[in-house]
C-alpha atoms as a PDB file:
ATOM      1  CA  MET A   1      20.854  24.971 -10.919  1.00  0.00           C
ATOM      2  CA  LYS A   2      18.814  22.031  -9.295  1.00  0.00           C
ATOM      3  CA  LYS A   3      20.737  20.157  -6.643  1.00  0.00           C
ATOM      4  CA  PHE A   4      21.955  16.894  -8.336  1.00  0.00           C
ATOM      5  CA  TYR A   5      19.805  14.890  -5.427  1.00  0.00           C
ATOM      6  CA  SER A   6      16.614  16.055  -6.267  1.00  0.00           C
ATOM      7  CA  ASN A   7      17.135  16.623 -10.111  1.00  0.00           C
ATOM      8  CA  PRO A   8      14.594  14.583 -12.134  1.00  0.00           C
ATOM      9  CA  SER A   9      16.991  14.783 -15.094  1.00  0.00           C
ATOM     10  CA  ILE A  10      19.254  12.518 -13.335  1.00  0.00           C
ATOM     11  CA  ALA A  11      16.486  10.147 -12.880  1.00  0.00           C
ATOM     12  CA  TYR A  12      15.676  10.073 -16.570  1.00  0.00           C
ATOM     13  CA  LEU A  13      19.373   9.430 -17.450  1.00  0.00           C
ATOM     14  CA  LEU A  14      19.256   6.308 -15.220  1.00  0.00           C
ATOM     15  CA  ILE A  15      16.051   4.943 -16.748  1.00  0.00           C
ATOM     16  CA  ALA A  16      17.977   5.560 -20.244  1.00  0.00           C
ATOM     17  CA  LEU A  17      21.077   4.168 -19.203  1.00  0.00           C
ATOM     18  CA  SER A  18      19.323   1.028 -17.877  1.00  0.00           C
ATOM     19  CA  SER A  19      16.925   0.858 -20.735  1.00  0.00           C
ATOM     20  CA  PHE A  20      19.696   1.122 -23.485  1.00  0.00           C
ATOM     21  CA  PHE A  21      21.853  -1.748 -22.069  1.00  0.00           C
ATOM     22  CA  MET A  22      18.895  -3.968 -21.407  1.00  0.00           C
ATOM     23  CA  SER A  23      17.699  -3.439 -25.215  1.00  0.00           C
ATOM     24  CA  ALA A  24      20.788  -4.160 -26.550  1.00  0.00           C
ATOM     25  CA  SER A  25      21.700  -7.243 -24.581  1.00  0.00           C
ATOM     26  CA  MET A  26      18.386  -8.695 -25.056  1.00  0.00           C
ATOM     27  CA  LEU A  27      18.728  -8.402 -29.007  1.00  0.00           C
ATOM     28  CA  LEU A  28      22.002 -10.104 -28.582  1.00  0.00           C
ATOM     29  CA  ILE A  29      20.837 -12.621 -26.031  1.00  0.00           C
ATOM     30  CA  GLY A  30      17.904 -13.709 -28.083  1.00  0.00           C
ATOM     31  CA  ASN A  31      14.817 -15.187 -25.935  1.00  0.00           C
ATOM     32  CA  HIS A  32      15.580 -16.102 -22.449  1.00  0.00           C
ATOM     33  CA  ARG A  33      13.489 -17.761 -19.523  1.00  0.00           C
ATOM     34  CA  GLN A  34      11.951 -14.495 -18.363  1.00  0.00           C
ATOM     35  CA  ILE A  35      10.601 -13.934 -22.002  1.00  0.00           C
ATOM     36  CA  GLU A  36       9.503 -17.490 -22.240  1.00  0.00           C
ATOM     37  CA  LYS A  37       7.723 -17.228 -18.792  1.00  0.00           C
ATOM     38  CA  THR A  38       5.811 -14.164 -19.645  1.00  0.00           C
ATOM     39  CA  VAL A  39       4.650 -15.384 -22.995  1.00  0.00           C
ATOM     40  CA  ASN A  40       3.461 -18.550 -21.470  1.00  0.00           C
ATOM     41  CA  PHE A  41       1.857 -17.000 -18.707  1.00  0.00           C
ATOM     42  CA  TYR A  42      -0.299 -14.781 -21.080  1.00  0.00           C
ATOM     43  CA  GLY A  43      -1.167 -18.079 -23.299  1.00  0.00           C
ATOM     44  CA  LEU A  44       0.750 -16.630 -26.227  1.00  0.00           C
ATOM     45  CA  ASN A  45       3.372 -19.392 -26.890  1.00  0.00           C
ATOM     46  CA  SER A  46       1.295 -20.823 -29.631  1.00  0.00           C
ATOM     47  CA  LEU A  47       0.943 -17.274 -31.235  1.00  0.00           C
ATOM     48  CA  LEU A  48       3.968 -15.255 -30.503  1.00  0.00           C
ATOM     49  CA  PRO A  49       7.477 -17.124 -30.976  1.00  0.00           C
ATOM     50  CA  TYR A  50       9.834 -16.394 -28.091  1.00  0.00           C
ATOM     51  CA  GLU A  51      12.115 -14.699 -30.737  1.00  0.00           C
ATOM     52  CA  ILE A  52       9.523 -12.033 -31.414  1.00  0.00           C
ATOM     53  CA  ALA A  53       8.595 -11.658 -28.013  1.00  0.00           C
ATOM     54  CA  ASN A  54      12.171 -10.758 -27.218  1.00  0.00           C
ATOM     55  CA  SER A  55      12.443  -8.431 -29.842  1.00  0.00           C
ATOM     56  CA  ILE A  56       9.524  -6.655 -28.888  1.00  0.00           C
ATOM     57  CA  ALA A  57      10.595  -6.119 -25.537  1.00  0.00           C
ATOM     58  CA  ALA A  58      14.019  -5.001 -26.681  1.00  0.00           C
ATOM     59  CA  PHE A  59      12.532  -2.312 -28.993  1.00  0.00           C
ATOM     60  CA  ALA A  60      10.232  -1.147 -25.954  1.00  0.00           C
ATOM     61  CA  PHE A  61      13.066  -0.496 -23.968  1.00  0.00           C
ATOM     62  CA  LEU A  62      15.354   1.163 -26.457  1.00  0.00           C
ATOM     63  CA  LEU A  63      12.155   3.443 -27.189  1.00  0.00           C
ATOM     64  CA  LEU A  64      12.143   4.059 -23.563  1.00  0.00           C
ATOM     65  CA  ALA A  65      15.641   5.098 -23.465  1.00  0.00           C
ATOM     66  CA  ALA A  66      15.178   7.464 -26.317  1.00  0.00           C
ATOM     67  CA  LEU A  67      11.893   8.851 -24.543  1.00  0.00           C
ATOM     68  CA  SER A  68      14.037   9.192 -21.130  1.00  0.00           C
ATOM     69  CA  LEU A  69      16.698  10.911 -23.065  1.00  0.00           C
ATOM     70  CA  ALA A  70      14.279  13.423 -24.784  1.00  0.00           C
ATOM     71  CA  SER A  71      12.430  14.171 -21.733  1.00  0.00           C
ATOM     72  CA  ILE A  72      15.418  15.865 -20.139  1.00  0.00           C
ATOM     73  CA  TYR A  73      15.185  18.521 -22.679  1.00  0.00           C
ATOM     74  CA  THR A  74      11.499  18.897 -23.703  1.00  0.00           C
ATOM     75  CA  SER A  75       8.430  18.282 -21.867  1.00  0.00           C
ATOM     76  CA  LYS A  76       6.613  17.074 -25.046  1.00  0.00           C
ATOM     77  CA  THR A  77       7.780  13.506 -24.907  1.00  0.00           C
ATOM     78  CA  LYS A  78       6.836  12.973 -21.153  1.00  0.00           C
ATOM     79  CA  THR A  79       3.334  11.700 -21.817  1.00  0.00           C
ATOM     80  CA  SER A  80       4.720   8.977 -24.129  1.00  0.00           C
ATOM     81  CA  LEU A  81       7.394   8.236 -21.552  1.00  0.00           C
ATOM     82  CA  ILE A  82       4.819   7.826 -18.784  1.00  0.00           C
ATOM     83  CA  THR A  83       2.746   5.528 -21.148  1.00  0.00           C
ATOM     84  CA  LEU A  84       5.490   3.485 -22.074  1.00  0.00           C
ATOM     85  CA  LEU A  85       6.956   3.012 -18.332  1.00  0.00           C
ATOM     86  CA  ALA A  86       3.419   1.893 -17.118  1.00  0.00           C
ATOM     87  CA  LEU A  87       3.194  -0.428 -20.143  1.00  0.00           C
ATOM     88  CA  ILE A  88       6.775  -2.070 -19.611  1.00  0.00           C
ATOM     89  CA  ALA A  89       5.816  -2.258 -15.801  1.00  0.00           C
ATOM     90  CA  ALA A  90       2.277  -3.877 -16.223  1.00  0.00           C
ATOM     91  CA  VAL A  91       3.155  -6.686 -18.533  1.00  0.00           C
ATOM     92  CA  PRO A  92       5.661  -8.494 -16.287  1.00  0.00           C
ATOM     93  CA  LEU A  93       4.062  -7.343 -13.196  1.00  0.00           C
ATOM     94  CA  ILE A  94       0.701  -9.141 -13.692  1.00  0.00           C
ATOM     95  CA  SER A  95       2.677 -12.391 -14.566  1.00  0.00           C
ATOM     96  CA  LEU A  96       3.427 -12.364 -10.785  1.00  0.00           C
ATOM     97  CA  PHE A  97       0.078 -14.254 -10.462  1.00  0.00           C
ATOM     98  CA  SER A  98       1.924 -17.194 -12.167  1.00  0.00           C
ATOM     99  CA  SER A  99       2.997 -20.054  -9.530  1.00  0.00           C
ATOM    100  CA  GLY A 100       6.333 -20.082 -11.494  1.00  0.00           C
ATOM    101  CA  MET A 101       7.330 -16.959  -9.715  1.00  0.00           C
ATOM    102  CA  TRP A 102       7.539 -18.629  -6.281  1.00  0.00           C
ATOM    103  CA  ILE A 103       9.465 -21.150  -4.640  1.00  0.00           C
ATOM    104  CA  GLU A 104       6.776 -24.026  -4.444  1.00  0.00           C
ATOM    105  CA  SER A 105       9.068 -26.366  -2.300  1.00  0.00           C
ATOM    106  CA  MET A 106       8.805 -23.675   0.656  1.00  0.00           C
ATOM    107  CA  GLY A 107       5.002 -23.070   0.632  1.00  0.00           C
ATOM    108  CA  GLY A 108       5.044 -20.630  -2.626  1.00  0.00           C
ATOM    109  CA  PHE A 109       4.057 -16.992  -2.019  1.00  0.00           C
ATOM    110  CA  PRO A 110       5.420 -14.923  -0.278  1.00  0.00           C
ATOM    111  CA  VAL A 111       8.608 -16.949  -0.896  1.00  0.00           C
ATOM    112  CA  ILE A 112       9.991 -15.494  -3.893  1.00  0.00           C
ATOM    113  CA  GLY A 113      11.980 -17.024  -6.461  1.00  0.00           C
ATOM    114  CA  ALA A 114      11.965 -16.096 -10.229  1.00  0.00           C
ATOM    115  CA  GLY A 115       9.716 -13.057  -9.377  1.00  0.00           C
ATOM    116  CA  GLN A 116      12.561 -11.215  -7.634  1.00  0.00           C
ATOM    117  CA  GLY A 117      13.392  -9.608 -11.089  1.00  0.00           C
ATOM    118  CA  VAL A 118       9.863  -9.120 -11.689  1.00  0.00           C
ATOM    119  CA  ILE A 119       8.948  -7.302  -8.544  1.00  0.00           C
ATOM    120  CA  LYS A 120      11.542  -4.732  -9.566  1.00  0.00           C
ATOM    121  CA  TYR A 121       9.158  -3.434 -12.357  1.00  0.00           C
ATOM    122  CA  PHE A 122       7.218  -1.749  -9.563  1.00  0.00           C
ATOM    123  CA  ALA A 123      10.041   0.782  -9.860  1.00  0.00           C
ATOM    124  CA  LEU A 124       9.061   1.861 -13.292  1.00  0.00           C
ATOM    125  CA  LEU A 125       5.278   1.940 -12.530  1.00  0.00           C
ATOM    126  CA  SER A 126       6.111   4.395  -9.518  1.00  0.00           C
ATOM    127  CA  LEU A 127       8.327   6.510 -11.828  1.00  0.00           C
ATOM    128  CA  ALA A 128       5.451   6.769 -14.287  1.00  0.00           C
ATOM    129  CA  ILE A 129       3.400   8.497 -11.619  1.00  0.00           C
ATOM    130  CA  CYS A 130       6.112  10.387 -10.179  1.00  0.00           C
ATOM    131  CA  ILE A 131       6.965  12.103 -13.708  1.00  0.00           C
ATOM    132  CA  LEU A 132       3.101  12.478 -14.143  1.00  0.00           C
ATOM    133  CA  GLN A 133       2.861  14.131 -10.778  1.00  0.00           C
ATOM    134  CA  PRO A 134      -0.710  14.405 -10.159  1.00  0.00           C
ATOM    135  CA  ASN A 135      -2.232  16.742  -7.584  1.00  0.00           C
ATOM    136  CA  PHE A 136      -1.620  14.411  -4.883  1.00  0.00           C
ATOM    137  CA  SER A 137      -0.401  15.650  -1.404  1.00  0.00           C
ATOM    138  CA  LYS A 138       3.309  15.824  -0.575  1.00  0.00           C
ATOM    139  CA  ALA A 139       3.187  12.712   1.783  1.00  0.00           C
ATOM    140  CA  THR A 140       1.267  10.578  -0.928  1.00  0.00           C
ATOM    141  CA  MET A 141       3.890  11.302  -3.505  1.00  0.00           C
ATOM    142  CA  GLN A 142       6.598  10.322  -1.087  1.00  0.00           C
ATOM    143  CA  TRP A 143       4.995   6.883  -0.632  1.00  0.00           C
ATOM    144  CA  ILE A 144       4.491   6.593  -4.314  1.00  0.00           C
ATOM    145  CA  ALA A 145       8.247   7.407  -5.062  1.00  0.00           C
ATOM    146  CA  ILE A 146       9.459   5.160  -2.097  1.00  0.00           C
ATOM    147  CA  PHE A 147       7.362   2.190  -2.264  1.00  0.00           C
ATOM    148  CA  PRO A 148       9.360   0.049  -4.736  1.00  0.00           C
ATOM    149  CA  VAL A 149      12.602   0.666  -2.493  1.00  0.00           C
ATOM    150  CA  LEU A 150      10.412  -0.554   0.563  1.00  0.00           C
ATOM    151  CA  LEU A 151       9.076  -3.467  -1.297  1.00  0.00           C
ATOM    152  CA  VAL A 152      12.178  -4.796  -2.613  1.00  0.00           C
ATOM    153  CA  LEU A 153      14.282  -3.884   0.485  1.00  0.00           C
ATOM    154  CA  ALA A 154      11.896  -5.544   2.758  1.00  0.00           C
ATOM    155  CA  TRP A 155      10.818  -8.528   0.640  1.00  0.00           C
ATOM    156  CA  ILE A 156      14.193  -9.746  -0.745  1.00  0.00           C
ATOM    157  CA  GLY A 157      15.982  -8.384   2.748  1.00  0.00           C
ATOM    158  CA  GLY A 158      13.270 -10.686   4.498  1.00  0.00           C
ATOM    159  CA  MET A 159      14.501 -13.512   2.113  1.00  0.00           C
ATOM    160  CA  LYS A 160      18.237 -13.100   3.289  1.00  0.00           C
ATOM    161  CA  PHE A 161      17.251 -14.851   6.633  1.00  0.00           C
ATOM    162  CA  THR A 162      16.472 -18.225   4.469  1.00  0.00           C
ATOM    163  CA  LEU A 163      19.133 -20.501   3.420  1.00  0.00           C
ATOM    164  CA  ILE A 164      18.215 -20.534  -0.288  1.00  0.00           C
ATOM    165  CA  GLU A 165      18.720 -16.764  -0.547  1.00  0.00           C
ATOM    166  CA  ALA A 166      21.884 -16.879   1.538  1.00  0.00           C
ATOM    167  CA  GLN A 167      23.424 -19.561  -0.903  1.00  0.00           C
ATOM    168  CA  GLY A 168      21.780 -17.435  -3.838  1.00  0.00           C
ATOM    169  CA  ILE A 169      23.934 -14.208  -3.053  1.00  0.00           C
ATOM    170  CA  GLU A 170      27.190 -16.139  -1.968  1.00  0.00           C
ATOM    171  CA  GLY A 171      28.275 -15.776  -5.780  1.00  0.00           C
ATOM    172  CA  LEU A 172      27.966 -12.186  -5.645  1.00  0.00           C
ATOM    173  CA  LEU A 173      29.486 -11.599  -2.388  1.00  0.00           C
ATOM    174  CA  GLN A 174      32.516 -13.900  -2.830  1.00  0.00           C
ATOM    175  CA  THR A 175      33.671 -12.144  -5.734  1.00  0.00           C
ATOM    176  CA  SER A 176      33.192  -8.874  -4.303  1.00  0.00           C
ATOM    177  CA  PRO A 177      36.178  -6.778  -3.083  1.00  0.00           C
ATOM    178  CA  PHE A 178      33.846  -4.710  -0.845  1.00  0.00           C
ATOM    179  CA  MET A 179      31.675  -7.751   0.619  1.00  0.00           C
ATOM    180  CA  SER A 180      33.999 -10.800   0.315  1.00  0.00           C
ATOM    181  CA  TRP A 181      35.459 -10.211   3.947  1.00  0.00           C
ATOM    182  CA  MET A 182      32.189 -10.827   5.499  1.00  0.00           C
ATOM    183  CA  TYR A 183      32.694 -14.628   4.869  1.00  0.00           C
ATOM    184  CA  SER A 184      35.835 -14.688   6.588  1.00  0.00           C
ATOM    185  CA  VAL A 185      34.215 -13.326   9.658  1.00  0.00           C
ATOM    186  CA  TRP A 186      30.964 -14.902   9.685  1.00  0.00           C
ATOM    187  CA  ASP A 187      29.347 -17.815   8.170  1.00  0.00           C
ATOM    188  CA  LEU A 188      27.313 -18.091   5.412  1.00  0.00           C
ATOM    189  CA  GLN A 189      23.688 -17.794   6.993  1.00  0.00           C
ATOM    190  CA  THR A 190      24.966 -15.125   9.584  1.00  0.00           C
ATOM    191  CA  THR A 191      26.326 -12.984   6.761  1.00  0.00           C
ATOM    192  CA  SER A 192      23.161 -13.139   4.937  1.00  0.00           C
ATOM    193  CA  ASN A 193      21.045 -12.437   8.008  1.00  0.00           C
ATOM    194  CA  LEU A 194      23.319  -9.488   8.694  1.00  0.00           C
ATOM    195  CA  ILE A 195      22.532  -8.060   5.173  1.00  0.00           C
ATOM    196  CA  GLY A 196      18.864  -8.614   5.699  1.00  0.00           C
ATOM    197  CA  VAL A 197      18.934  -6.569   8.982  1.00  0.00           C
ATOM    198  CA  TYR A 198      20.842  -3.818   7.116  1.00  0.00           C
ATOM    199  CA  ASP A 199      17.836  -3.724   4.436  1.00  0.00           C
ATOM    200  CA  LEU A 200      15.141  -3.609   6.829  1.00  0.00           C
ATOM    201  CA  LEU A 201      16.921  -1.014   8.873  1.00  0.00           C
ATOM    202  CA  ALA A 202      16.887   1.080   5.831  1.00  0.00           C
ATOM    203  CA  VAL A 203      13.316   0.434   5.447  1.00  0.00           C
ATOM    204  CA  ALA A 204      12.678   1.477   8.778  1.00  0.00           C
ATOM    205  CA  LEU A 205      14.576   4.741   8.265  1.00  0.00           C
ATOM    206  CA  LEU A 206      13.008   5.649   5.062  1.00  0.00           C
ATOM    207  CA  ILE A 207       9.470   5.357   6.451  1.00  0.00           C
ATOM    208  CA  ALA A 208      10.631   7.399   9.466  1.00  0.00           C
ATOM    209  CA  ALA A 209      11.917  10.023   7.043  1.00  0.00           C
ATOM    210  CA  ILE A 210       8.597  10.731   5.746  1.00  0.00           C
ATOM    211  CA  TYR A 211       7.644  12.083   9.309  1.00  0.00           C
ATOM    212  CA  ASN A 212      10.905  13.290  10.478  1.00  0.00           C
ATOM    213  CA  ILE A 213      12.874  14.967   7.884  1.00  0.00           C
ATOM    214  CA  LYS A 214      16.113  14.991   9.830  1.00  0.00           C
ATOM    215  CA  LEU A 215      16.278  11.200   9.136  1.00  0.00           C
ATOM    216  CA  LEU A 216      15.884  11.838   5.290  1.00  0.00           C
ATOM    217  CA  TRP A 217      19.696  11.634   4.571  1.00  0.00           C
ATOM    218  CA  VAL A 218      20.620   8.706   6.680  1.00  0.00           C
ATOM    219  CA  GLY A 219      17.569   6.607   5.102  1.00  0.00           C
ATOM    220  CA  VAL A 220      18.397   7.684   1.647  1.00  0.00           C
ATOM    221  CA  LEU A 221      21.993   6.933   1.863  1.00  0.00           C
ATOM    222  CA  MET A 222      21.536   3.530   3.433  1.00  0.00           C
ATOM    223  CA  SER A 223      19.010   2.547   0.798  1.00  0.00           C
ATOM    224  CA  LEU A 224      21.532   4.157  -1.886  1.00  0.00           C
ATOM    225  CA  ALA A 225      24.557   1.842  -0.646  1.00  0.00           C
ATOM    226  CA  VAL A 226      22.854  -1.079  -1.418  1.00  0.00           C
ATOM    227  CA  PHE A 227      21.658  -0.129  -5.064  1.00  0.00           C
ATOM    228  CA  VAL A 228      25.210   1.262  -5.744  1.00  0.00           C
ATOM    229  CA  MET A 229      26.817  -1.978  -4.421  1.00  0.00           C
ATOM    230  CA  THR A 230      24.646  -3.930  -6.451  1.00  0.00           C
ATOM    231  CA  GLN A 231      25.972  -2.108  -9.708  1.00  0.00           C
ATOM    232  CA  THR A 232      29.679  -3.080  -8.510  1.00  0.00           C
ATOM    233  CA  PHE A 233      28.448  -6.609  -8.842  1.00  0.00           C
ATOM    234  CA  LEU A 234      28.273  -5.989 -12.748  1.00  0.00           C
ATOM    235  CA  ALA A 235      31.829  -5.668 -12.704  1.00  0.00           C
ATOM    236  CA  THR A 236      32.890  -8.361 -10.129  1.00  0.00           C
ATOM    237  CA  THR A 237      30.247 -11.203 -10.727  1.00  0.00           C
ATOM    238  CA  PRO A 238      31.701 -13.866 -13.501  1.00  0.00           C
ATOM    239  CA  GLY A 239      29.166 -13.955 -16.259  1.00  0.00           C
ATOM    240  CA  ALA A 240      27.055 -10.647 -15.461  1.00  0.00           C
ATOM    241  CA  VAL A 241      29.023  -9.013 -18.314  1.00  0.00           C
ATOM    242  CA  TYR A 242      29.901 -10.572 -21.603  1.00  0.00           C
ATOM    243  CA  THR A 243      31.558  -8.997 -24.471  1.00  0.00           C
ATOM    244  CA  SER A 244      29.265 -11.011 -26.829  1.00  0.00           C
ATOM    245  CA  THR A 245      26.073  -9.934 -25.208  1.00  0.00           C
ATOM    246  CA  ILE A 246      27.114  -7.078 -23.053  1.00  0.00           C
ATOM    247  CA  LEU A 247      24.675  -8.171 -20.070  1.00  0.00           C
ATOM    248  CA  SER A 248      23.787 -11.803 -19.101  1.00  0.00           C
ATOM    249  CA  THR A 249      20.272 -12.240 -17.718  1.00  0.00           C
ATOM    250  CA  THR A 250      22.238 -11.874 -14.385  1.00  0.00           C
ATOM    251  CA  GLY A 251      23.264  -8.465 -15.526  1.00  0.00           C
ATOM    252  CA  HIS A 252      19.710  -7.656 -16.194  1.00  0.00           C
ATOM    253  CA  PHE A 253      18.662  -8.201 -12.747  1.00  0.00           C
ATOM    254  CA  LEU A 254      21.491  -6.029 -11.329  1.00  0.00           C
ATOM    255  CA  ILE A 255      21.108  -2.983 -13.605  1.00  0.00           C
ATOM    256  CA  LYS A 256      17.603  -2.987 -12.911  1.00  0.00           C
ATOM    257  CA  ASP A 257      18.603  -1.263  -9.256  1.00  0.00           C
ATOM    258  CA  LEU A 258      19.528   2.076 -11.286  1.00  0.00           C
ATOM    259  CA  TRP A 259      15.598   2.289 -11.508  1.00  0.00           C
ATOM    260  CA  PHE A 260      15.505   2.411  -7.613  1.00  0.00           C
ATOM    261  CA  ILE A 261      18.106   5.149  -7.261  1.00  0.00           C
ATOM    262  CA  ALA A 262      16.025   7.005  -9.723  1.00  0.00           C
ATOM    263  CA  ASN A 263      13.152   6.413  -7.296  1.00  0.00           C
ATOM    264  CA  LEU A 264      15.162   7.772  -4.430  1.00  0.00           C
ATOM    265  CA  ILE A 265      15.740  10.948  -6.452  1.00  0.00           C
ATOM    266  CA  PHE A 266      12.203  11.516  -6.774  1.00  0.00           C
ATOM    267  CA  PHE A 267      11.592  10.889  -3.216  1.00  0.00           C
ATOM    268  CA  MET A 268      14.201  13.218  -2.255  1.00  0.00           C
ATOM    269  CA  LYS A 269      12.440  16.011  -4.525  1.00  0.00           C
ATOM    270  CA  PHE A 270       9.025  15.488  -2.866  1.00  0.00           C
ATOM    271  CA  SER A 271      10.595  15.494   0.946  1.00  0.00           C
ATOM    272  CA  LEU A 272      12.585  18.722   0.252  1.00  0.00           C
ATOM    273  CA  SER A 273       9.917  20.577  -1.629  1.00  0.00           C
ATOM    274  CA  LYS A 274       7.815  23.164   0.514  1.00  0.00           C
ATOM    275  CA  LYS A 275       4.340  21.837  -0.861  1.00  0.00           C
END
């Protein structure tokens, strides 16, 4: 039996779980701002009603969930899974060229705003390549697997040093039984800064782990803690989960972090392989 921490089947299950809940909630929510931004970016707003675009996206995620589950048991569906992962990732990622993804009042790129949820789609693109497993070197596959994790931890971690991000995470942290205590010890900005330092330290350790296997576990566990903690926010943040829609758009943002756990699984798999 493969060790759980390097078993791709767990990665497939995480993709399926997140995709199913995103699909179901998108159908219940109806069109929302991210769908509208994407449709407008491609200039399709006069041809493609937001409601239909939302239904297409929901169906794509539902199909992704089905293919991910099927790929646990058979390799016949992997080509379709890889193709769909790449397609679902590419559509929103290209929209990063839109000015609406950046905070113009703070100079625009690289100060990211609405695009914080969009850059998470790099995880799906990475997973597509990891599942394909092209004939690349071990180190190359490690970098591909871990790139989205490094990107999000470094970029959003760096944003923690800004007031707008410190205020943005306040609602998540204040309702968390695991992190709310920080505000009783430090002020708003210092708390955010400390989280940013943690994120950047995790980035440094993950990079170092590619060159020194002894640092693998500490780097992975530090990063994993970030994404596991994010999932607890689904239960503690008011408005992240609704009985009527399953997830809100905030819930969508949070559950996408399951993709990064899948990235870490593939990173472990490639790091521990002998090739």
